[in-house]
C-alpha cells in the first residue's frame, strides 16, 4: 500500500470492494501488474458509466419531456417543482378541471420523482435543500394539495373537506353563541341583583314611612280616647263583623267602609253610577216599548212618531253623557270609567229588541194556539165519550123494554 501514489489510493477507495481486494493482492506481488490492472479497472468503470448513462438518458428524456422541461438538466429545483404543480392542477383527479386524468397524473408524478432523483445525483451537494425544507415545513401533505383552501382543515376529497370545514365553522359558531348567551346571562344577573337591591331599599323606606304613619295614628287614637271622643258609641263592646267573602281585602279598610255604609254614607261616584244606570234603563225601555208599538215595516205616520220619540230621547241622552263625563272625573279606578252613549247604537238596539219581542210574542201566540187546540181536542174526546156512553145506556134500556 505504501508504493501507491495518493491518486491511486483515492481511486482504490472509489472502486468496488472486489476490485480493491484484487488490486491489493496484485500490488503485493508485482507493482507493475498492479498498475496495469488499475488502468484496466479505470477503463472498465468508464465504459460502465457510458453504457449506464445511455440507458438513464432515454427515461430521463421522457420524464423531462413530460414535465415540459429542457432535457439538458439545466432546470433549477424551483422550476421543476413549478412545472410539476402546474401539471398537477391540470391532471389531478380531485382538481375538478376538465383535463383531469388519473393515469396521466401518475405518469407526471413518476417523472417528477425521477427528475428529482437524477438532479440530486448529478448536482453538487446542498442542491434542492430549500425545496426539501419547504416540503417539510408544509407537513405531510402532497405538493399538489397546496393550492386547495379550507384553512388547511380536513382530509380526503374536496367535497369531503368542504363538509368538514362547514361542520367546523358550525361548531365554532355554536360555541360563540353559547359564550354570548353566558355573558348575557351574567350581565342580566348582575342587573337583576342591582334591581333587587334597589327594591329592598325602596321597600325598607316604605316600611319606615308606614311605621311612622301607624305611630302617628296610634297617638291620635290615644289622645281621642283620653278626651273621651269614643264614649257612648253604637256597638260599643260588641265584636266587629269579619270580612268573609274576600280574604285578600284589608280587614281594617273593610271595617271602616262598613261603618260608613251603616251610617248612610256613600261616595259621590257610587251615587252617580247608580243614577246613570237607572237613567240608561229608563230611556232604553222607552225606546223599546215605542218601537214595539209600531208596525214592521212602518208607515209614514209611524215613521214620524218614531222620529219624535228619538228626538226626545236624544235630549235625554245629551244630559246622560254629561253625567258620564262627571263620573269619569271622580271615579277612583280607570277600568270603571264609562263611554258616551250613541243615539244610533241605541236606536239599532231598540229595533233589534223590538224584533226579538215580536218574535217572542209570535211564539207565545203559537204556543197559546196549540194549547187551545189540545184543550179543544180533549174536550171533544170527553164529549164524544159521554155521548157514546149515553147511547149505549139508552140502547140497553130499549133492549130490556
Protein backbone atom coordinates (compact mmCIF):
# COMPACT_ATOMS: atom_id res chain seq x y z
CA UNK A 1 0.00 0.00 0.00
CA UNK A 2 2.89 2.38 0.66
CA UNK A 3 4.16 2.13 -3.01
CA UNK A 4 0.99 3.75 -4.47
CA UNK A 5 0.54 7.46 -5.02
CA UNK A 6 -2.31 9.42 -3.34
CA UNK A 7 -4.18 9.46 -6.66
CA UNK A 8 -4.05 5.68 -6.86
CA UNK A 9 -5.18 5.32 -3.26
CA UNK A 10 -8.14 7.58 -3.93
CA UNK A 11 -9.17 5.51 -6.92
CA UNK A 12 -8.85 2.36 -4.88
CA UNK A 13 -11.24 3.78 -2.28
CA UNK A 14 -13.71 4.74 -5.02
CA UNK A 15 -13.64 1.28 -6.69
CA UNK A 16 -15.93 -1.57 -5.58
CA UNK A 17 -14.80 -3.94 -2.85
CA UNK A 18 -13.86 -6.83 -5.15
CA UNK A 19 -11.64 -4.62 -7.32
CA UNK A 20 -9.91 -3.23 -4.27
CA UNK A 21 -9.17 -6.71 -2.96
CA UNK A 22 -7.82 -7.82 -6.31
CA UNK A 23 -5.57 -4.79 -6.66
CA UNK A 24 -4.19 -5.18 -3.20
CA UNK A 25 -3.27 -8.81 -3.84
CA UNK A 26 -1.58 -8.00 -7.10
CA UNK A 27 0.21 -5.00 -5.71
CA UNK A 28 1.85 -7.14 -3.06
CA UNK A 29 3.38 -9.42 -5.72
CA UNK A 30 4.09 -7.12 -8.61
CA UNK A 31 3.74 -3.37 -8.66
CA UNK A 32 3.80 -3.12 -12.45
CA UNK A 33 0.94 -5.55 -12.91
CA UNK A 34 -0.99 -3.74 -10.23
CA UNK A 35 -0.72 -0.51 -12.17
CA UNK A 36 -1.77 -2.24 -15.34
CA UNK A 37 -4.78 -3.78 -13.67
CA UNK A 38 -5.58 -0.41 -12.18
CA UNK A 39 -5.69 1.11 -15.64
CA UNK A 40 -7.93 -1.68 -16.82
CA UNK A 41 -10.24 -1.12 -13.88
CA UNK A 42 -10.42 2.61 -14.63
CA UNK A 43 -11.30 1.89 -18.27
CA UNK A 44 -13.93 -0.67 -17.26
CA UNK A 45 -15.52 1.85 -14.95
CA UNK A 46 -15.57 4.48 -17.68
CA UNK A 47 -17.19 2.05 -20.11
CA UNK A 48 -19.76 1.01 -17.49
CA UNK A 49 -20.63 4.67 -16.88
CA UNK A 50 -21.09 5.26 -20.62
CA UNK A 51 -23.34 2.22 -21.01
CA UNK A 52 -25.49 3.05 -17.96
CA UNK A 53 -25.68 6.76 -18.93
CA UNK A 54 -27.17 5.89 -22.30
CA UNK A 55 -29.92 3.81 -20.59
CA UNK A 56 -30.82 6.51 -18.00
CA UNK A 57 -30.85 9.30 -20.55
CA UNK A 58 -33.72 7.73 -22.52
CA UNK A 59 -36.03 7.52 -19.49
CA UNK A 60 -34.91 10.95 -18.28
CA UNK A 61 -35.58 12.50 -21.66
CA UNK A 62 -39.13 11.13 -21.47
CA UNK A 63 -39.51 12.50 -17.92
CA UNK A 64 -38.20 15.95 -18.92
CA UNK A 65 -40.47 15.95 -21.94
CA UNK A 66 -43.48 15.02 -19.81
CA UNK A 67 -42.69 17.83 -17.36
CA UNK A 68 -42.16 20.22 -20.30
CA UNK A 69 -38.58 20.97 -19.22
CA UNK A 70 -35.34 21.07 -21.24
CA UNK A 71 -33.61 17.67 -21.10
CA UNK A 72 -30.15 19.10 -20.59
CA UNK A 73 -30.56 19.17 -16.81
CA UNK A 74 -30.17 22.95 -16.53
CA UNK A 75 -33.54 23.40 -14.73
CA UNK A 76 -33.44 24.51 -11.13
CA UNK A 77 -35.38 22.70 -8.38
CA UNK A 78 -37.87 25.57 -8.21
CA UNK A 79 -38.54 25.31 -11.95
CA UNK A 80 -39.01 21.54 -11.69
CA UNK A 81 -41.42 21.93 -8.83
CA UNK A 82 -43.33 24.73 -10.54
CA UNK A 83 -43.74 22.59 -13.66
CA UNK A 84 -44.97 19.68 -11.55
CA UNK A 85 -47.52 21.82 -9.68
CA UNK A 86 -48.79 23.27 -12.94
CA UNK A 87 -49.38 19.79 -14.37
CA UNK A 88 -50.88 18.57 -11.07
CA UNK A 89 -53.52 21.31 -11.24
CA UNK A 90 -54.39 20.20 -14.76
CA UNK A 91 -54.42 16.41 -14.39
CA UNK A 92 -55.10 15.66 -10.71
CA UNK A 93 -58.44 13.77 -10.35
CA UNK A 94 -59.53 15.97 -7.40
CA UNK A 95 -58.77 19.29 -9.08
CA UNK A 96 -62.15 19.49 -10.81
CA UNK A 97 -60.53 20.62 -14.06
CA UNK A 98 -61.90 19.30 -17.39
CA UNK A 99 -58.41 17.91 -18.19
CA UNK A 100 -58.25 15.73 -15.04
CA UNK A 101 -56.74 12.30 -15.76
CA UNK A 102 -55.56 9.95 -13.01
CA UNK A 103 -53.34 7.84 -15.30
CA UNK A 104 -51.61 10.86 -16.78
CA UNK A 105 -51.16 12.37 -13.33
CA UNK A 106 -49.49 9.15 -12.14
CA UNK A 107 -47.02 9.41 -15.03
CA UNK A 108 -46.37 13.08 -14.19
CA UNK A 109 -45.70 12.24 -10.55
CA UNK A 110 -43.34 9.41 -11.52
CA UNK A 111 -41.48 11.68 -13.92
CA UNK A 112 -41.20 14.36 -11.21
CA UNK A 113 -39.62 11.90 -8.78
CA UNK A 114 -37.25 10.57 -11.45
CA UNK A 115 -36.06 14.08 -12.36
CA UNK A 116 -35.52 14.96 -8.70
CA UNK A 117 -33.54 11.76 -8.15
CA UNK A 118 -31.38 12.39 -11.23
CA UNK A 119 -30.66 16.00 -10.32
CA UNK A 120 -29.83 15.08 -6.73
CA UNK A 121 -27.10 12.72 -8.08
CA UNK A 122 -25.70 14.99 -10.76
CA UNK A 123 -25.91 18.36 -8.97
CA UNK A 124 -23.45 19.43 -6.26
CA UNK A 125 -24.04 18.91 -2.54
CA UNK A 126 -26.67 21.16 -0.96
CA UNK A 127 -28.73 21.31 -4.17
CA UNK A 128 -32.50 21.21 -3.52
CA UNK A 129 -32.30 21.74 0.24
CA UNK A 130 -34.62 24.75 0.07
CA UNK A 131 -37.29 22.70 -1.68
CA UNK A 132 -36.96 19.84 0.82
CA UNK A 133 -37.16 22.21 3.77
CA UNK A 134 -40.25 23.85 2.25
CA UNK A 135 -41.88 20.43 1.84
CA UNK A 136 -41.08 19.53 5.43
CA UNK A 137 -42.48 22.83 6.70
CA UNK A 138 -45.75 22.20 4.89
CA UNK A 139 -46.23 18.87 6.63
CA UNK A 140 -47.06 15.50 5.21
CA UNK A 141 -49.48 16.85 2.58
CA UNK A 142 -48.58 16.22 -1.04
CA UNK A 143 -47.34 19.19 -3.11
CA UNK A 144 -50.42 19.21 -5.32
CA UNK A 145 -52.59 19.84 -2.22
CA UNK A 146 -51.08 23.26 -1.61
CA UNK A 147 -53.46 25.05 -3.91
CA UNK A 148 -56.54 23.76 -2.02
CA UNK A 149 -58.01 26.08 0.67
CA UNK A 150 -60.37 25.44 3.69
CA UNK A 151 -57.70 26.85 6.04
CA UNK A 152 -55.76 23.60 5.86
CA UNK A 153 -58.51 21.67 7.69
CA UNK A 154 -59.93 18.26 6.90
CA UNK A 155 -58.77 15.43 4.71
CA UNK A 156 -60.00 13.49 1.70
CA UNK A 157 -61.60 14.77 -1.46
CA UNK A 158 -62.53 18.46 -1.87
CA UNK A 159 -66.20 17.73 -1.20
CA UNK A 160 -65.33 15.86 2.00
CA UNK A 161 -63.01 18.65 3.10
CA UNK A 162 -65.71 21.20 2.37
CA UNK A 163 -68.23 19.35 4.55
CA UNK A 164 -65.67 19.00 7.34
CA UNK A 165 -64.82 22.70 7.09
CA UNK A 166 -68.50 23.68 7.24
CA UNK A 167 -69.01 21.45 10.29
CA UNK A 168 -66.02 23.08 11.98
CA UNK A 169 -67.48 26.52 11.25
CA UNK A 170 -70.85 25.44 12.67
CA UNK A 171 -69.16 24.18 15.83
CA UNK A 172 -67.27 27.45 16.19
CA UNK A 173 -70.46 29.47 15.69
CA UNK A 174 -72.30 27.34 18.26
CA UNK A 175 -69.53 27.88 20.75
CA UNK A 176 -69.60 31.63 20.13
CA UNK A 177 -73.38 31.71 20.63
CA UNK A 178 -73.09 29.79 23.89
CA UNK A 179 -70.39 32.14 25.12
CA UNK A 180 -72.51 35.15 24.16
CA UNK A 181 -75.54 33.77 25.97
CA UNK A 182 -73.46 33.07 29.03
CA UNK A 183 -72.18 36.64 29.03
CA UNK A 184 -75.72 37.97 28.59
CA UNK A 185 -76.98 35.82 31.48
CA UNK A 186 -74.19 37.06 33.69
CA UNK A 187 -74.93 40.66 32.75
CA UNK A 188 -78.68 40.16 33.33
CA UNK A 189 -77.97 38.54 36.69
CA UNK A 190 -75.82 41.50 37.67
CA UNK A 191 -78.55 43.94 36.62
CA UNK A 192 -81.18 41.89 38.42
CA UNK A 193 -79.07 41.95 41.55
CA UNK A 194 -78.88 45.73 41.31
CA UNK A 195 -82.66 45.94 40.83
CA UNK A 196 -83.29 43.66 43.80
CA UNK A 197 -81.04 45.78 45.94
CA UNK A 198 -82.87 48.93 44.85
CA UNK A 199 -86.26 47.30 45.56
CA UNK A 200 -85.06 46.34 49.01
CA UNK A 201 -84.05 49.92 49.70
CA UNK A 202 -87.41 51.24 48.49
CA UNK A 203 -89.29 48.62 50.50
CA UNK A 204 -87.39 49.46 53.66
CA UNK A 205 -88.17 53.13 53.07
CA UNK A 206 -91.89 52.35 52.66
CA UNK A 207 -91.83 50.26 55.81
CA UNK A 208 -90.30 53.13 57.72
CA UNK A 209 -92.94 55.54 56.40
CA UNK A 210 -95.75 53.09 57.21
CA UNK A 211 -94.45 52.61 60.71
CA UNK A 212 -94.26 56.37 61.19
CA UNK A 213 -97.87 56.78 59.98
CA UNK A 214 -99.03 53.97 62.25
CA UNK A 215 -97.35 55.58 65.23
CA UNK A 216 -98.99 58.89 64.37
CA UNK A 217 -102.44 57.27 64.07
CA UNK A 218 -101.93 55.42 67.32
CA UNK A 219 -101.00 58.67 69.07
CA UNK A 220 -104.12 60.37 67.70
CA UNK A 221 -106.32 57.48 68.85
CA UNK A 222 -104.82 57.60 72.32
CA UNK A 223 -105.41 61.34 72.53
CA UNK A 224 -109.04 60.92 71.39
CA UNK A 225 -109.59 58.19 73.94
CA UNK A 226 -108.14 60.42 76.66
CA UNK A 227 -110.55 63.20 75.67
CA UNK A 228 -113.50 60.77 75.69
CA UNK A 229 -114.35 61.01 72.00
CA UNK A 230 -115.07 57.26 71.78
CA UNK A 231 -117.62 57.15 74.61
CA UNK A 232 -121.30 56.27 74.02
CA UNK A 233 -120.66 54.80 70.54
CA UNK A 234 -123.20 52.44 69.00
CA UNK A 235 -121.99 48.87 69.18
CA UNK A 236 -119.51 49.55 71.94
CA UNK A 237 -118.21 46.34 73.46
CA UNK A 238 -119.50 44.21 70.57
CA UNK A 239 -117.24 42.34 68.11
CA UNK A 240 -116.98 43.65 64.58
CA UNK A 241 -118.17 41.52 61.69
CA UNK A 242 -115.28 40.00 59.78
CA UNK A 243 -114.86 40.38 56.04
CA UNK A 244 -115.50 36.86 54.85
CA UNK A 245 -116.16 36.83 51.09
CA UNK A 246 -112.83 38.47 50.09
CA UNK A 247 -109.83 37.21 52.06
CA UNK A 248 -107.43 39.48 50.12
CA UNK A 249 -109.06 42.73 51.29
CA UNK A 250 -107.64 44.67 54.19
CA UNK A 251 -109.88 43.99 57.24
CA UNK A 252 -109.32 47.47 58.63
CA UNK A 253 -110.32 49.14 55.36
CA UNK A 254 -113.36 46.90 55.11
CA UNK A 255 -114.44 47.67 58.66
CA UNK A 256 -114.09 51.40 58.06
CA UNK A 257 -116.16 51.13 54.89
CA UNK A 258 -118.74 49.07 56.72
CA UNK A 259 -119.05 51.71 59.42
CA UNK A 260 -119.55 54.41 56.78
CA UNK A 261 -122.18 52.35 54.96
CA UNK A 262 -124.06 51.55 58.16
CA UNK A 263 -124.28 55.26 58.89
CA UNK A 264 -125.69 56.02 55.43
CA UNK A 265 -122.55 57.34 53.78
CA UNK A 266 -122.00 56.70 50.07
CA UNK A 267 -119.24 58.10 47.84
CA UNK A 268 -120.40 60.54 45.22
CA UNK A 269 -119.16 58.39 42.35
CA UNK A 270 -121.23 55.46 43.63
CA UNK A 271 -124.37 57.60 43.73
CA UNK A 272 -123.64 58.97 40.25
CA UNK A 273 -123.02 55.49 38.87
CA UNK A 274 -126.37 54.32 40.21
CA UNK A 275 -128.14 57.34 38.65
CA UNK A 276 -126.51 56.67 35.28
CA UNK A 277 -127.62 53.04 35.32
CA UNK A 278 -131.20 53.94 36.26
CA UNK A 279 -131.42 56.64 33.57
CA UNK A 280 -129.98 54.27 30.96
CA UNK A 281 -132.51 51.58 31.81
CA UNK A 282 -135.37 54.10 31.60
CA UNK A 283 -134.63 55.53 28.15
CA UNK A 284 -133.81 52.08 26.72
CA UNK A 285 -137.13 50.77 27.96
CA UNK A 286 -138.87 53.80 26.49
CA UNK A 287 -137.25 53.25 23.08
CA UNK A 288 -138.01 49.54 23.10
CA UNK A 289 -141.67 49.97 24.01
CA UNK A 290 -142.14 52.79 21.48
CA UNK A 291 -140.60 50.74 18.66
CA UNK A 292 -142.55 47.63 19.63
CA UNK A 293 -145.86 49.52 19.33
CA UNK A 294 -145.04 50.49 15.75
CA UNK A 295 -145.52 48.12 12.83
CA UNK A 296 -142.99 46.34 10.67
CA UNK A 297 -142.48 47.88 8.17
CA UNK A 298 -143.52 51.27 9.48
CA UNK A 299 -145.99 53.54 7.76
CA UNK A 300 -145.22 57.25 7.20
CA UNK A 301 -147.25 58.13 10.28
CA UNK A 302 -145.35 55.59 12.35
CA UNK A 303 -142.07 56.96 10.95
CA UNK A 304 -142.94 60.44 12.19
CA UNK A 305 -143.87 59.04 15.62
CA UNK A 306 -140.57 57.17 15.79
CA UNK A 307 -138.61 60.30 14.86
CA UNK A 308 -140.34 62.32 17.57
CA UNK A 309 -139.57 59.64 20.15
CA UNK A 310 -135.90 59.51 19.09
CA UNK A 311 -135.60 63.32 19.30
CA UNK A 312 -136.94 63.38 22.86
CA UNK A 313 -134.65 60.52 23.88
CA UNK A 314 -131.67 62.25 22.26
CA UNK A 315 -132.15 65.28 24.51
CA UNK A 316 -132.13 62.96 27.50
CA UNK A 317 -129.03 61.24 26.09
CA UNK A 318 -127.09 64.54 25.99
CA UNK A 319 -127.72 65.04 29.70
CA UNK A 320 -126.71 61.44 30.36
CA UNK A 321 -123.38 61.88 28.55
CA UNK A 322 -122.69 64.94 30.70
CA UNK A 323 -123.23 62.77 33.77
CA UNK A 324 -120.82 60.21 32.31
CA UNK A 325 -118.13 62.90 31.95
CA UNK A 326 -118.58 63.95 35.57
CA UNK A 327 -118.47 60.34 36.70
CA UNK A 328 -115.22 59.65 34.83
CA UNK A 329 -113.57 62.59 36.61
CA UNK A 330 -114.27 61.31 40.11
CA UNK A 331 -114.23 57.53 39.73
CA UNK A 332 -111.18 56.13 41.61
CA UNK A 333 -110.25 53.41 39.06
CA UNK A 334 -109.72 53.73 35.32
CA UNK A 335 -111.31 50.39 34.50
CA UNK A 336 -114.61 51.65 35.94
CA UNK A 337 -114.89 54.62 33.60
CA UNK A 338 -117.73 54.73 31.06
CA UNK A 339 -118.01 55.72 27.41
CA UNK A 340 -120.58 58.04 25.87
CA UNK A 341 -123.91 56.70 24.72
CA UNK A 342 -124.60 56.91 20.98
CA UNK A 343 -128.10 57.54 19.66
CA UNK A 344 -127.54 55.45 16.54
CA UNK A 345 -126.42 52.44 18.59
CA UNK A 346 -129.35 52.82 20.94
CA UNK A 347 -131.78 53.00 18.00
CA UNK A 348 -130.32 49.83 16.50
CA UNK A 349 -130.55 48.19 19.90
CA UNK A 350 -134.21 49.18 20.18
CA UNK A 351 -135.00 47.90 16.66
CA UNK A 352 -133.35 44.55 17.36
CA UNK A 353 -135.07 44.34 20.73
CA UNK A 354 -138.46 45.10 19.18
CA UNK A 355 -137.87 42.45 16.53
CA UNK A 356 -136.98 39.90 19.18
CA UNK A 357 -140.04 40.99 21.18
CA UNK A 358 -142.30 40.42 18.16
CA UNK A 359 -140.78 37.00 17.54
CA UNK A 360 -141.27 36.12 21.18
CA UNK A 361 -144.89 37.29 21.08
CA UNK A 362 -145.46 35.29 17.92
CA UNK A 363 -144.03 32.18 19.55
CA UNK A 364 -146.21 32.79 22.58
CA UNK A 365 -149.29 33.15 20.38
CA UNK A 366 -148.44 29.93 18.56
CA UNK A 367 -147.97 28.14 21.84
CA UNK A 368 -151.29 29.52 23.07
CA UNK A 369 -152.97 28.40 19.86
CA UNK A 370 -151.52 24.92 20.18
CA UNK A 371 -152.59 24.78 23.80
CA UNK A 372 -156.15 25.75 22.89
CA UNK A 373 -156.24 23.13 20.15
CA UNK A 374 -155.13 20.47 22.59
CA UNK A 375 -157.76 21.57 25.10
CA UNK A 376 -160.41 21.52 22.37
CA UNK A 377 -159.35 18.03 21.34
CA UNK A 378 -159.51 16.80 24.91
CA UNK A 379 -162.93 18.42 25.39
CA UNK A 380 -164.25 16.87 22.18
CA UNK A 381 -162.91 13.48 23.23
CA UNK A 382 -164.66 13.75 26.59
CA UNK A 383 -167.93 14.81 24.97
CA UNK A 384 -167.67 12.00 22.45
CA UNK A 385 -167.02 9.51 25.21
CA UNK A 386 -170.01 10.76 27.16
CA UNK A 387 -172.25 10.62 24.10
CA UNK A 388 -171.15 7.09 23.30
CA UNK A 389 -171.76 6.03 26.87
CA UNK A 390 -175.20 7.61 26.93
CA UNK A 391 -176.06 5.99 23.60
CA UNK A 392 -175.02 2.60 24.93
CA UNK A 393 -177.15 3.04 28.04
CA UNK A 394 -180.17 4.11 26.02
CA UNK A 395 -179.73 1.15 23.70
CA UNK A 396 -179.59 -1.25 26.63
CA UNK A 397 -182.67 0.33 28.18
CA UNK A 398 -184.55 -0.01 24.94
CA UNK A 399 -183.38 -3.60 24.68
CA UNK A 400 -184.68 -4.56 28.11
CA UNK A 401 -188.01 -2.95 27.48
